[in-house]
Amino acid sequence: MIDINQKLWEEFVRDTKKMDLDALSPQNELISGIWDENRRLNPEISQKLLKIAQDFFENLDLDVEMEDITITGSAASYNWSKYSDIDLHILVNFKNLDENVDLVQEFFRGKIFVWNQKHNIEIFGHEVEIYVQDINESHHSLGVFSVKNDEWIQEPTKMDPKIDLNAVKKKAIMLMDCIDRAYDLFDDQNYKKSLKCGQKIKEKVKKMRQSGLDSSGIYSNENLAFKILRRNGYLSDLNTIIDKSYDKMHSLAQNFLKKLKIYVSEPKNSEKTGFHALNELEKFQKRVKRRHSRMKNRLIGRGKQRNVPPYTRKPSYKRAKSSPPGAGGT
């Protein structure tokens, strides 16, 4: 029994908790092709980024002006990796639009979401991520470049930070496990609880990252754990849990009574007091199977890469008829 448990656990860790922690280490140069040897932005890329920002903002048809357009984050520092997005920030004075800054921020988030659903723009393999920033918003970054004015606002500097990789890994694994368990609640049709749990985790991640940035900057354990969650797709999963749970709670199908029952009732608590090895192993095996399925979806089914010959279709999630029980996808 112990051998089976240990084998499943090792497989679970290997498949769903693999982390490229070495990619968090600083580089010797800025991203090649985007920046030249003198740390100047490639003129062709500069024009493309200006065009992207202007197209996005002009489509909003607002009676305010862009104060600046900047590149910030890891793509403007030595802290980049192959996973880095090009964070394209459009700076606006929110109060010129409305005194309710939170309302303005929510407006821009909605517009950014719609834009990202329609567009997937990459430059040298790095996705362009648009963000509208209030000029009064505090911002933490090792490098900030003004695309509009073609100059560094904050020049990047090389640092040799002391990173406690074990502490980063511990924080990331803890949060990843919480997200997986919230998804388990959703799979159990406990939509009310999965929604509440997902929202609570999201707020926890937000506060954790901000706390780390405020205290120790971008190399804080909290911010690096956040980066791992983002790279592994867990933050995307967290948003999916919240959205799907909400939709399920407020959807109606032909079987209205069943939907109503899901919304107004909580599943019976089947938890037993004390430790029961067989019961815990059964629950563990169930979680492993679900998480393997979600990992397959994350790595293959939800990948943004295009299918090109000879791979013209996404792999099937269905288990082959000849496969033993528990094998394959969903």
C-alpha atoms as a PDB file:
ATOM      1  CA  MET A   1       0.000   0.000   0.000  1.00  0.00           C
ATOM      2  CA  ILE A   2       2.786   2.399   0.895  1.00  0.00           C
ATOM      3  CA  ASP A   3       4.680   1.569  -2.315  1.00  0.00           C
ATOM      4  CA  ILE A   4       1.617   2.358  -4.470  1.00  0.00           C
ATOM      5  CA  ASN A   5       1.046   5.615  -2.627  1.00  0.00           C
ATOM      6  CA  GLN A   6       4.676   6.646  -2.999  1.00  0.00           C
ATOM      7  CA  LYS A   7       4.709   5.773  -6.699  1.00  0.00           C
ATOM      8  CA  LEU A   8       1.592   7.833  -7.370  1.00  0.00           C
ATOM      9  CA  TRP A   9       2.972  10.742  -5.411  1.00  0.00           C
ATOM     10  CA  GLU A  10       6.276  10.748  -7.314  1.00  0.00           C
ATOM     11  CA  GLU A  11       4.411  10.620 -10.627  1.00  0.00           C
ATOM     12  CA  PHE A  12       2.134  13.444  -9.518  1.00  0.00           C
ATOM     13  CA  VAL A  13       5.073  15.648  -8.509  1.00  0.00           C
ATOM     14  CA  ARG A  14       6.950  14.889 -11.714  1.00  0.00           C
ATOM     15  CA  ASP A  15       4.039  15.621 -14.037  1.00  0.00           C
ATOM     16  CA  THR A  16       2.317  18.540 -12.353  1.00  0.00           C
ATOM     17  CA  LYS A  17       4.879  20.239 -10.152  1.00  0.00           C
ATOM     18  CA  LYS A  18       7.830  20.493 -12.535  1.00  0.00           C
ATOM     19  CA  MET A  19       9.343  23.959 -12.246  1.00  0.00           C
ATOM     20  CA  ASP A  20      12.036  25.625 -14.296  1.00  0.00           C
ATOM     21  CA  LEU A  21      13.528  27.527 -11.380  1.00  0.00           C
ATOM     22  CA  ASP A  22      16.825  28.097 -13.202  1.00  0.00           C
ATOM     23  CA  ALA A  23      14.960  30.295 -15.696  1.00  0.00           C
ATOM     24  CA  LEU A  24      14.434  32.810 -12.894  1.00  0.00           C
ATOM     25  CA  SER A  25      18.147  33.650 -12.748  1.00  0.00           C
ATOM     26  CA  PRO A  26      19.232  36.982 -14.323  1.00  0.00           C
ATOM     27  CA  GLN A  27      20.663  37.029 -17.870  1.00  0.00           C
ATOM     28  CA  ASN A  28      23.891  38.683 -19.020  1.00  0.00           C
ATOM     29  CA  GLU A  29      22.214  40.617 -21.849  1.00  0.00           C
ATOM     30  CA  LEU A  30      18.793  42.010 -22.738  1.00  0.00           C
ATOM     31  CA  ILE A  31      16.586  40.018 -25.139  1.00  0.00           C
ATOM     32  CA  SER A  32      18.491  39.700 -28.416  1.00  0.00           C
ATOM     33  CA  GLY A  33      16.697  41.068 -31.467  1.00  0.00           C
ATOM     34  CA  ILE A  34      14.416  43.282 -29.433  1.00  0.00           C
ATOM     35  CA  TRP A  35      17.332  45.270 -28.006  1.00  0.00           C
ATOM     36  CA  ASP A  36      20.699  45.923 -29.651  1.00  0.00           C
ATOM     37  CA  GLU A  37      24.110  45.742 -27.965  1.00  0.00           C
ATOM     38  CA  ASN A  38      23.704  49.374 -26.836  1.00  0.00           C
ATOM     39  CA  ARG A  39      20.365  48.594 -25.169  1.00  0.00           C
ATOM     40  CA  ARG A  40      18.413  50.526 -27.787  1.00  0.00           C
ATOM     41  CA  LEU A  41      15.026  49.259 -28.951  1.00  0.00           C
ATOM     42  CA  ASN A  42      14.907  47.788 -32.466  1.00  0.00           C
ATOM     43  CA  PRO A  43      13.290  50.578 -34.594  1.00  0.00           C
ATOM     44  CA  GLU A  44      11.041  48.114 -36.460  1.00  0.00           C
ATOM     45  CA  ILE A  45       9.788  46.662 -33.202  1.00  0.00           C
ATOM     46  CA  SER A  46       9.295  50.155 -31.799  1.00  0.00           C
ATOM     47  CA  GLN A  47       6.996  51.046 -34.692  1.00  0.00           C
ATOM     48  CA  LYS A  48       5.008  47.841 -34.274  1.00  0.00           C
ATOM     49  CA  LEU A  49       4.536  48.378 -30.534  1.00  0.00           C
ATOM     50  CA  LEU A  50       3.450  51.986 -31.085  1.00  0.00           C
ATOM     51  CA  LYS A  51       0.953  50.819 -33.703  1.00  0.00           C
ATOM     52  CA  ILE A  52      -0.453  48.122 -31.379  1.00  0.00           C
ATOM     53  CA  ALA A  53      -0.901  50.574 -28.502  1.00  0.00           C
ATOM     54  CA  GLN A  54      -2.437  53.253 -30.696  1.00  0.00           C
ATOM     55  CA  ASP A  55      -4.866  50.838 -32.367  1.00  0.00           C
ATOM     56  CA  PHE A  56      -6.000  49.522 -28.998  1.00  0.00           C
ATOM     57  CA  PHE A  57      -6.476  52.956 -27.492  1.00  0.00           C
ATOM     58  CA  GLU A  58      -8.109  54.595 -30.506  1.00  0.00           C
ATOM     59  CA  ASN A  59     -10.708  51.819 -30.640  1.00  0.00           C
ATOM     60  CA  LEU A  60     -11.832  52.849 -27.153  1.00  0.00           C
ATOM     61  CA  ASP A  61     -12.852  56.283 -28.464  1.00  0.00           C
ATOM     62  CA  LEU A  62     -12.081  58.091 -25.197  1.00  0.00           C
ATOM     63  CA  ASP A  63     -11.731  61.801 -24.551  1.00  0.00           C
ATOM     64  CA  VAL A  64      -8.331  61.409 -22.856  1.00  0.00           C
ATOM     65  CA  GLU A  65      -4.769  61.214 -24.142  1.00  0.00           C
ATOM     66  CA  MET A  66      -2.024  58.653 -23.696  1.00  0.00           C
ATOM     67  CA  GLU A  67       0.670  60.160 -21.497  1.00  0.00           C
ATOM     68  CA  ASP A  68       3.245  57.568 -22.533  1.00  0.00           C
ATOM     69  CA  ILE A  69       3.726  54.048 -23.934  1.00  0.00           C
ATOM     70  CA  THR A  70       6.343  51.966 -22.138  1.00  0.00           C
ATOM     71  CA  ILE A  71       7.907  48.524 -22.037  1.00  0.00           C
ATOM     72  CA  THR A  72       8.358  47.289 -18.516  1.00  0.00           C
ATOM     73  CA  GLY A  73       8.744  44.044 -16.622  1.00  0.00           C
ATOM     74  CA  SER A  74      11.226  41.279 -17.382  1.00  0.00           C
ATOM     75  CA  ALA A  75      11.416  42.093 -21.118  1.00  0.00           C
ATOM     76  CA  ALA A  76      12.978  45.458 -20.190  1.00  0.00           C
ATOM     77  CA  SER A  77      15.476  44.000 -17.736  1.00  0.00           C
ATOM     78  CA  TYR A  78      18.038  41.248 -17.332  1.00  0.00           C
ATOM     79  CA  ASN A  79      15.394  39.145 -15.590  1.00  0.00           C
ATOM     80  CA  TRP A  80      13.915  37.765 -18.834  1.00  0.00           C
ATOM     81  CA  SER A  81      13.434  34.206 -19.993  1.00  0.00           C
ATOM     82  CA  LYS A  82      11.822  32.404 -22.918  1.00  0.00           C
ATOM     83  CA  TYR A  83       8.529  32.706 -21.019  1.00  0.00           C
ATOM     84  CA  SER A  84       8.649  36.505 -20.709  1.00  0.00           C
ATOM     85  CA  ASP A  85       5.856  38.626 -22.130  1.00  0.00           C
ATOM     86  CA  ILE A  86       6.508  42.060 -23.587  1.00  0.00           C
ATOM     87  CA  ASP A  87       4.561  44.168 -21.100  1.00  0.00           C
ATOM     88  CA  LEU A  88       3.317  47.123 -23.141  1.00  0.00           C
ATOM     89  CA  HIS A  89       1.959  49.736 -20.744  1.00  0.00           C
ATOM     90  CA  ILE A  90      -0.256  52.597 -21.878  1.00  0.00           C
ATOM     91  CA  LEU A  91      -0.056  55.399 -19.308  1.00  0.00           C
ATOM     92  CA  VAL A  92      -3.197  57.434 -18.737  1.00  0.00           C
ATOM     93  CA  ASN A  93      -4.343  59.850 -16.061  1.00  0.00           C
ATOM     94  CA  PHE A  94      -7.408  57.966 -14.828  1.00  0.00           C
ATOM     95  CA  LYS A  95      -8.833  61.030 -13.102  1.00  0.00           C
ATOM     96  CA  ASN A  96      -9.101  62.780 -16.457  1.00  0.00           C
ATOM     97  CA  LEU A  97     -11.665  60.127 -17.334  1.00  0.00           C
ATOM     98  CA  ASP A  98     -13.504  59.872 -13.999  1.00  0.00           C
ATOM     99  CA  GLU A  99     -12.851  60.597 -10.330  1.00  0.00           C
ATOM    100  CA  ASN A 100     -13.673  56.969  -9.491  1.00  0.00           C
ATOM    101  CA  VAL A 101     -10.264  55.481 -10.267  1.00  0.00           C
ATOM    102  CA  ASP A 102     -11.355  51.934  -9.372  1.00  0.00           C
ATOM    103  CA  LEU A 103     -14.214  52.180 -11.846  1.00  0.00           C
ATOM    104  CA  VAL A 104     -11.848  53.374 -14.582  1.00  0.00           C
ATOM    105  CA  GLN A 105      -9.445  50.537 -13.822  1.00  0.00           C
ATOM    106  CA  GLU A 106     -12.265  48.006 -14.089  1.00  0.00           C
ATOM    107  CA  PHE A 107     -13.290  49.529 -17.425  1.00  0.00           C
ATOM    108  CA  PHE A 108      -9.796  49.140 -18.875  1.00  0.00           C
ATOM    109  CA  ARG A 109      -9.466  45.574 -17.563  1.00  0.00           C
ATOM    110  CA  GLY A 110     -12.618  44.632 -19.421  1.00  0.00           C
ATOM    111  CA  LYS A 111     -11.361  46.196 -22.646  1.00  0.00           C
ATOM    112  CA  ILE A 112      -7.981  44.489 -22.281  1.00  0.00           C
ATOM    113  CA  PHE A 113      -9.720  41.140 -21.786  1.00  0.00           C
ATOM    114  CA  VAL A 114     -11.734  41.560 -24.992  1.00  0.00           C
ATOM    115  CA  TRP A 115      -8.615  42.650 -26.911  1.00  0.00           C
ATOM    116  CA  ASN A 116      -6.636  39.618 -25.723  1.00  0.00           C
ATOM    117  CA  GLN A 117      -9.462  37.295 -26.783  1.00  0.00           C
ATOM    118  CA  LYS A 118      -9.243  38.639 -30.328  1.00  0.00           C
ATOM    119  CA  HIS A 119      -5.477  38.999 -30.706  1.00  0.00           C
ATOM    120  CA  ASN A 120      -2.399  36.881 -30.070  1.00  0.00           C
ATOM    121  CA  ILE A 121       0.584  39.030 -31.076  1.00  0.00           C
ATOM    122  CA  GLU A 122       4.116  37.720 -30.602  1.00  0.00           C
ATOM    123  CA  ILE A 123       7.488  39.324 -31.267  1.00  0.00           C
ATOM    124  CA  PHE A 124      10.365  36.870 -31.524  1.00  0.00           C
ATOM    125  CA  GLY A 125       8.348  34.336 -29.557  1.00  0.00           C
ATOM    126  CA  HIS A 126       7.409  36.766 -26.769  1.00  0.00           C
ATOM    127  CA  GLU A 127       3.719  37.582 -26.433  1.00  0.00           C
ATOM    128  CA  VAL A 128       2.742  41.254 -26.326  1.00  0.00           C
ATOM    129  CA  GLU A 129       0.686  41.927 -23.200  1.00  0.00           C
ATOM    130  CA  ILE A 130      -1.220  45.230 -23.058  1.00  0.00           C
ATOM    131  CA  TYR A 131      -1.863  46.978 -19.744  1.00  0.00           C
ATOM    132  CA  VAL A 132      -3.373  50.410 -19.093  1.00  0.00           C
ATOM    133  CA  GLN A 133      -1.566  52.058 -16.180  1.00  0.00           C
ATOM    134  CA  ASP A 134      -2.631  55.075 -14.180  1.00  0.00           C
ATOM    135  CA  ILE A 135       0.157  57.649 -14.105  1.00  0.00           C
ATOM    136  CA  ASN A 136      -0.314  57.818 -10.321  1.00  0.00           C
ATOM    137  CA  GLU A 137       0.003  54.051  -9.855  1.00  0.00           C
ATOM    138  CA  SER A 138       3.092  52.787  -8.042  1.00  0.00           C
ATOM    139  CA  HIS A 139       5.023  50.397 -10.262  1.00  0.00           C
ATOM    140  CA  HIS A 140       7.848  47.983  -9.436  1.00  0.00           C
ATOM    141  CA  SER A 141      10.264  47.086 -12.221  1.00  0.00           C
ATOM    142  CA  LEU A 142      14.005  46.763 -12.862  1.00  0.00           C
ATOM    143  CA  GLY A 143      13.654  48.513 -16.202  1.00  0.00           C
ATOM    144  CA  VAL A 144      11.200  50.918 -17.887  1.00  0.00           C
ATOM    145  CA  PHE A 145      11.605  52.103 -21.490  1.00  0.00           C
ATOM    146  CA  SER A 146       9.485  54.787 -23.132  1.00  0.00           C
ATOM    147  CA  VAL A 147       8.557  53.573 -26.612  1.00  0.00           C
ATOM    148  CA  LYS A 148       6.879  56.890 -27.305  1.00  0.00           C
ATOM    149  CA  ASN A 149       9.976  58.958 -26.491  1.00  0.00           C
ATOM    150  CA  ASP A 150      12.584  56.304 -27.395  1.00  0.00           C
ATOM    151  CA  GLU A 151      14.453  56.585 -24.104  1.00  0.00           C
ATOM    152  CA  TRP A 152      14.991  54.762 -20.838  1.00  0.00           C
ATOM    153  CA  ILE A 153      12.931  56.035 -17.910  1.00  0.00           C
ATOM    154  CA  GLN A 154      14.622  53.553 -15.622  1.00  0.00           C
ATOM    155  CA  GLU A 155      17.683  51.840 -17.047  1.00  0.00           C
ATOM    156  CA  PRO A 156      18.061  48.146 -16.249  1.00  0.00           C
ATOM    157  CA  THR A 157      20.881  47.166 -13.929  1.00  0.00           C
ATOM    158  CA  LYS A 158      22.450  43.788 -13.385  1.00  0.00           C
ATOM    159  CA  MET A 159      21.827  42.344  -9.955  1.00  0.00           C
ATOM    160  CA  ASP A 160      23.050  39.257  -8.180  1.00  0.00           C
ATOM    161  CA  PRO A 161      20.058  38.593  -5.968  1.00  0.00           C
ATOM    162  CA  LYS A 162      19.964  35.960  -3.277  1.00  0.00           C
ATOM    163  CA  ILE A 163      17.069  33.689  -4.161  1.00  0.00           C
ATOM    164  CA  ASP A 164      15.843  31.049  -1.738  1.00  0.00           C
ATOM    165  CA  LEU A 165      14.654  28.524  -4.328  1.00  0.00           C
ATOM    166  CA  ASN A 166      13.378  26.110  -1.690  1.00  0.00           C
ATOM    167  CA  ALA A 167      11.176  28.807  -0.175  1.00  0.00           C
ATOM    168  CA  VAL A 168       9.921  29.828  -3.637  1.00  0.00           C
ATOM    169  CA  LYS A 169       9.140  26.215  -4.518  1.00  0.00           C
ATOM    170  CA  LYS A 170       7.347  25.668  -1.213  1.00  0.00           C
ATOM    171  CA  LYS A 171       5.098  28.704  -1.726  1.00  0.00           C
ATOM    172  CA  ALA A 172       4.353  27.771  -5.328  1.00  0.00           C
ATOM    173  CA  ILE A 173       3.499  24.145  -4.531  1.00  0.00           C
ATOM    174  CA  MET A 174       1.201  25.213  -1.695  1.00  0.00           C
ATOM    175  CA  LEU A 175      -0.745  27.580  -3.962  1.00  0.00           C
ATOM    176  CA  MET A 176      -0.838  25.120  -6.865  1.00  0.00           C
ATOM    177  CA  ASP A 177      -2.285  22.511  -4.543  1.00  0.00           C
ATOM    178  CA  CYS A 178      -4.948  24.986  -3.363  1.00  0.00           C
ATOM    179  CA  ILE A 179      -5.927  25.707  -6.980  1.00  0.00           C
ATOM    180  CA  ASP A 180      -6.098  21.999  -7.778  1.00  0.00           C
ATOM    181  CA  ARG A 181      -8.358  21.410  -4.794  1.00  0.00           C
ATOM    182  CA  ALA A 182     -10.634  24.252  -5.867  1.00  0.00           C
ATOM    183  CA  TYR A 183     -10.886  22.563  -9.274  1.00  0.00           C
ATOM    184  CA  ASP A 184     -11.726  19.301  -7.503  1.00  0.00           C
ATOM    185  CA  LEU A 185     -14.665  21.069  -5.861  1.00  0.00           C
ATOM    186  CA  PHE A 186     -15.825  22.186  -9.303  1.00  0.00           C
ATOM    187  CA  ASP A 187     -15.503  18.643 -10.668  1.00  0.00           C
ATOM    188  CA  ASP A 188     -17.641  17.475  -7.733  1.00  0.00           C
ATOM    189  CA  GLN A 189     -20.320  19.991  -8.850  1.00  0.00           C
ATOM    190  CA  ASN A 190     -19.853  21.989  -5.660  1.00  0.00           C
ATOM    191  CA  TYR A 191     -19.990  25.190  -7.710  1.00  0.00           C
ATOM    192  CA  LYS A 192     -20.871  27.563  -4.899  1.00  0.00           C
ATOM    193  CA  LYS A 193     -17.902  26.427  -2.845  1.00  0.00           C
ATOM    194  CA  SER A 194     -15.482  26.278  -5.807  1.00  0.00           C
ATOM    195  CA  LEU A 195     -16.414  29.870  -6.720  1.00  0.00           C
ATOM    196  CA  LYS A 196     -15.867  31.104  -3.180  1.00  0.00           C
ATOM    197  CA  CYS A 197     -12.640  29.133  -2.858  1.00  0.00           C
ATOM    198  CA  GLY A 198     -11.317  30.359  -6.223  1.00  0.00           C
ATOM    199  CA  GLN A 199     -12.042  33.987  -5.374  1.00  0.00           C
ATOM    200  CA  LYS A 200     -10.335  33.618  -1.999  1.00  0.00           C
ATOM    201  CA  ILE A 201      -7.215  32.063  -3.553  1.00  0.00           C
ATOM    202  CA  LYS A 202      -7.057  34.786  -6.214  1.00  0.00           C
ATOM    203  CA  GLU A 203      -7.160  37.490  -3.555  1.00  0.00           C
ATOM    204  CA  LYS A 204      -4.499  35.634  -1.551  1.00  0.00           C
ATOM    205  CA  VAL A 205      -2.183  35.427  -4.575  1.00  0.00           C
ATOM    206  CA  LYS A 206      -2.697  39.124  -5.296  1.00  0.00           C
ATOM    207  CA  LYS A 207      -1.880  40.176  -1.723  1.00  0.00           C
ATOM    208  CA  MET A 208       1.064  37.778  -1.541  1.00  0.00           C
ATOM    209  CA  ARG A 209       2.674  39.180  -4.669  1.00  0.00           C
ATOM    210  CA  GLN A 210       2.124  42.810  -3.680  1.00  0.00           C
ATOM    211  CA  SER A 211       3.562  42.142  -0.240  1.00  0.00           C
ATOM    212  CA  GLY A 212       6.685  40.643  -1.792  1.00  0.00           C
ATOM    213  CA  LEU A 213       7.117  43.506  -4.255  1.00  0.00           C
ATOM    214  CA  ASP A 214       6.733  46.108  -1.518  1.00  0.00           C
ATOM    215  CA  SER A 215       9.209  44.421   0.828  1.00  0.00           C
ATOM    216  CA  SER A 216      11.873  42.869  -1.424  1.00  0.00           C
ATOM    217  CA  GLY A 217      11.103  43.796  -5.034  1.00  0.00           C
ATOM    218  CA  ILE A 218      10.796  41.511  -8.053  1.00  0.00           C
ATOM    219  CA  TYR A 219      13.179  38.896  -6.634  1.00  0.00           C
ATOM    220  CA  SER A 220      11.065  38.336  -3.546  1.00  0.00           C
ATOM    221  CA  ASN A 221       9.962  34.765  -2.846  1.00  0.00           C
ATOM    222  CA  GLU A 222       6.345  35.828  -3.240  1.00  0.00           C
ATOM    223  CA  ASN A 223       6.797  37.397  -6.672  1.00  0.00           C
ATOM    224  CA  LEU A 224       8.867  34.479  -7.974  1.00  0.00           C
ATOM    225  CA  ALA A 225       6.208  32.043  -6.757  1.00  0.00           C
ATOM    226  CA  PHE A 226       3.644  34.138  -8.649  1.00  0.00           C
ATOM    227  CA  LYS A 227       5.767  33.876 -11.815  1.00  0.00           C
ATOM    228  CA  ILE A 228       5.859  30.092 -11.514  1.00  0.00           C
ATOM    229  CA  LEU A 229       2.074  29.945 -11.177  1.00  0.00           C
ATOM    230  CA  ARG A 230       1.720  32.080 -14.293  1.00  0.00           C
ATOM    231  CA  ARG A 231       4.215  30.081 -16.335  1.00  0.00           C
ATOM    232  CA  ASN A 232       2.700  26.738 -15.372  1.00  0.00           C
ATOM    233  CA  GLY A 233      -0.787  27.873 -16.350  1.00  0.00           C
ATOM    234  CA  TYR A 234      -2.196  27.731 -12.834  1.00  0.00           C
ATOM    235  CA  LEU A 235      -3.300  31.364 -12.785  1.00  0.00           C
ATOM    236  CA  SER A 236      -5.232  30.719 -15.975  1.00  0.00           C
ATOM    237  CA  ASP A 237      -6.787  27.658 -14.321  1.00  0.00           C
ATOM    238  CA  LEU A 238      -7.754  29.770 -11.320  1.00  0.00           C
ATOM    239  CA  ASN A 239      -9.628  32.250 -13.505  1.00  0.00           C
ATOM    240  CA  THR A 240     -11.280  29.333 -15.307  1.00  0.00           C
ATOM    241  CA  ILE A 241     -12.524  27.902 -12.006  1.00  0.00           C
ATOM    242  CA  ILE A 242     -14.079  31.223 -11.003  1.00  0.00           C
ATOM    243  CA  ASP A 243     -15.700  31.843 -14.395  1.00  0.00           C
ATOM    244  CA  LYS A 244     -17.015  28.301 -14.851  1.00  0.00           C
ATOM    245  CA  SER A 245     -18.342  28.101 -11.299  1.00  0.00           C
ATOM    246  CA  TYR A 246     -20.223  31.353 -11.734  1.00  0.00           C
ATOM    247  CA  ASP A 247     -21.661  30.211 -15.072  1.00  0.00           C
ATOM    248  CA  LYS A 248     -22.789  26.882 -13.655  1.00  0.00           C
ATOM    249  CA  MET A 249     -24.490  28.548 -10.691  1.00  0.00           C
ATOM    250  CA  HIS A 250     -26.461  30.903 -12.915  1.00  0.00           C
ATOM    251  CA  SER A 251     -27.216  28.646 -15.885  1.00  0.00           C
ATOM    252  CA  LEU A 252     -30.504  26.919 -16.566  1.00  0.00           C
ATOM    253  CA  ALA A 253     -30.939  23.768 -18.600  1.00  0.00           C
ATOM    254  CA  GLN A 254     -33.997  21.671 -19.391  1.00  0.00           C
ATOM    255  CA  ASN A 255     -33.669  19.997 -16.037  1.00  0.00           C
ATOM    256  CA  PHE A 256     -34.438  23.127 -14.031  1.00  0.00           C
ATOM    257  CA  LEU A 257     -34.864  21.294 -10.714  1.00  0.00           C
ATOM    258  CA  LYS A 258     -31.408  19.767 -10.985  1.00  0.00           C
ATOM    259  CA  LYS A 259     -29.839  23.171 -11.636  1.00  0.00           C
ATOM    260  CA  LEU A 260     -31.784  24.704  -8.770  1.00  0.00           C
ATOM    261  CA  LYS A 261     -30.641  21.957  -6.444  1.00  0.00           C
ATOM    262  CA  ILE A 262     -26.995  22.570  -7.379  1.00  0.00           C
ATOM    263  CA  TYR A 263     -27.391  26.277  -6.681  1.00  0.00           C
ATOM    264  CA  VAL A 264     -29.198  26.210  -3.360  1.00  0.00           C
ATOM    265  CA  SER A 265     -27.714  23.128  -1.717  1.00  0.00           C
ATOM    266  CA  GLU A 266     -24.340  22.014  -0.533  1.00  0.00           C
ATOM    267  CA  PRO A 267     -23.141  18.440  -1.062  1.00  0.00           C
ATOM    268  CA  LYS A 268     -23.238  16.337   2.051  1.00  0.00           C
ATOM    269  CA  ASN A 269     -20.013  16.290   4.011  1.00  0.00           C
ATOM    270  CA  SER A 270     -18.523  12.852   3.407  1.00  0.00           C
ATOM    271  CA  GLU A 271     -15.330  13.564   5.335  1.00  0.00           C
ATOM    272  CA  LYS A 272     -14.547  11.102   8.091  1.00  0.00           C
ATOM    273  CA  THR A 273     -12.884  12.090  11.326  1.00  0.00           C
ATOM    274  CA  GLY A 274      -9.450  10.645  12.037  1.00  0.00           C
ATOM    275  CA  PHE A 275      -6.980   9.172   9.563  1.00  0.00           C
ATOM    276  CA  HIS A 276      -8.049   6.210   7.419  1.00  0.00           C
ATOM    277  CA  ALA A 277      -5.334   5.024   5.033  1.00  0.00           C
ATOM    278  CA  LEU A 278      -7.633   3.358   2.498  1.00  0.00           C
ATOM    279  CA  ASN A 279      -9.972   6.347   2.382  1.00  0.00           C
ATOM    280  CA  GLU A 280      -7.085   8.795   1.989  1.00  0.00           C
ATOM    281  CA  LEU A 281      -5.473   6.673  -0.743  1.00  0.00           C
ATOM    282  CA  GLU A 282      -8.755   6.511  -2.665  1.00  0.00           C
ATOM    283  CA  LYS A 283      -9.141  10.289  -2.516  1.00  0.00           C
ATOM    284  CA  PHE A 284      -5.510  10.756  -3.469  1.00  0.00           C
ATOM    285  CA  GLN A 285      -5.803   8.511  -6.528  1.00  0.00           C
ATOM    286  CA  LYS A 286      -8.912  10.399  -7.609  1.00  0.00           C
ATOM    287  CA  ARG A 287      -7.110  13.737  -7.323  1.00  0.00           C
ATOM    288  CA  VAL A 288      -4.089  12.431  -9.259  1.00  0.00           C
ATOM    289  CA  LYS A 289      -6.277  11.219 -12.131  1.00  0.00           C
ATOM    290  CA  ARG A 290      -8.087  14.554 -12.329  1.00  0.00           C
ATOM    291  CA  ARG A 291      -4.905  16.585 -12.201  1.00  0.00           C
ATOM    292  CA  HIS A 292      -3.229  14.509 -14.883  1.00  0.00           C
ATOM    293  CA  SER A 293      -6.221  15.175 -17.095  1.00  0.00           C
ATOM    294  CA  ARG A 294      -6.059  18.913 -16.427  1.00  0.00           C
ATOM    295  CA  MET A 295      -2.302  18.936 -17.038  1.00  0.00           C
ATOM    296  CA  LYS A 296      -2.852  17.308 -20.428  1.00  0.00           C
ATOM    297  CA  ASN A 297      -5.416  19.970 -21.232  1.00  0.00           C
ATOM    298  CA  ARG A 298      -3.023  22.683 -20.097  1.00  0.00           C
ATOM    299  CA  LEU A 299      -0.045  21.435 -22.112  1.00  0.00           C
ATOM    300  CA  ILE A 300      -1.788  20.196 -25.254  1.00  0.00           C
ATOM    301  CA  GLY A 301      -5.456  21.000 -25.584  1.00  0.00           C
ATOM    302  CA  ARG A 302      -5.204  24.641 -24.569  1.00  0.00           C
ATOM    303  CA  GLY A 303      -1.872  25.348 -26.232  1.00  0.00           C
ATOM    304  CA  LYS A 304      -1.684  28.463 -28.394  1.00  0.00           C
ATOM    305  CA  GLN A 305       0.599  26.849 -30.948  1.00  0.00           C
ATOM    306  CA  ARG A 306      -0.831  26.256 -34.398  1.00  0.00           C
ATOM    307  CA  ASN A 307      -1.195  22.734 -35.714  1.00  0.00           C
ATOM    308  CA  VAL A 308       0.945  22.294 -38.811  1.00  0.00           C
ATOM    309  CA  PRO A 309       1.477  19.215 -40.980  1.00  0.00           C
ATOM    310  CA  PRO A 310       1.815  16.406 -40.183  1.00  0.00           C
ATOM    311  CA  TYR A 311       0.085  17.380 -36.908  1.00  0.00           C
ATOM    312  CA  THR A 312      -3.164  18.804 -38.192  1.00  0.00           C
ATOM    313  CA  ARG A 313      -5.373  17.998 -35.220  1.00  0.00           C
ATOM    314  CA  LYS A 314      -5.193  18.209 -31.460  1.00  0.00           C
ATOM    315  CA  PRO A 315      -4.750  14.842 -29.703  1.00  0.00           C
ATOM    316  CA  SER A 316      -7.935  13.152 -28.543  1.00  0.00           C
ATOM    317  CA  TYR A 317      -8.769  13.206 -24.850  1.00  0.00           C
ATOM    318  CA  LYS A 318     -10.803  10.022 -25.044  1.00  0.00           C
ATOM    319  CA  ARG A 319      -9.371   6.849 -23.613  1.00  0.00           C
ATOM    320  CA  ALA A 320      -8.850   4.100 -26.193  1.00  0.00           C
ATOM    321  CA  LYS A 321     -11.243   1.181 -25.882  1.00  0.00           C
ATOM    322  CA  SER A 322      -8.387  -1.239 -25.364  1.00  0.00           C
ATOM    323  CA  SER A 323      -6.835   0.814 -22.568  1.00  0.00           C
ATOM    324  CA  PRO A 324      -7.039  -0.374 -18.979  1.00  0.00           C
ATOM    325  CA  PRO A 325      -9.272   1.477 -16.509  1.00  0.00           C
ATOM    326  CA  GLY A 326      -7.863   4.837 -15.470  1.00  0.00           C
ATOM    327  CA  ALA A 327      -5.639   5.266 -18.526  1.00  0.00           C
ATOM    328  CA  GLY A 328      -5.846   8.111 -21.020  1.00  0.00           C
ATOM    329  CA  GLY A 329      -7.681  11.397 -20.701  1.00  0.00           C
ATOM    330  CA  THR A 330     -11.116  12.299 -19.454  1.00  0.00           C
END
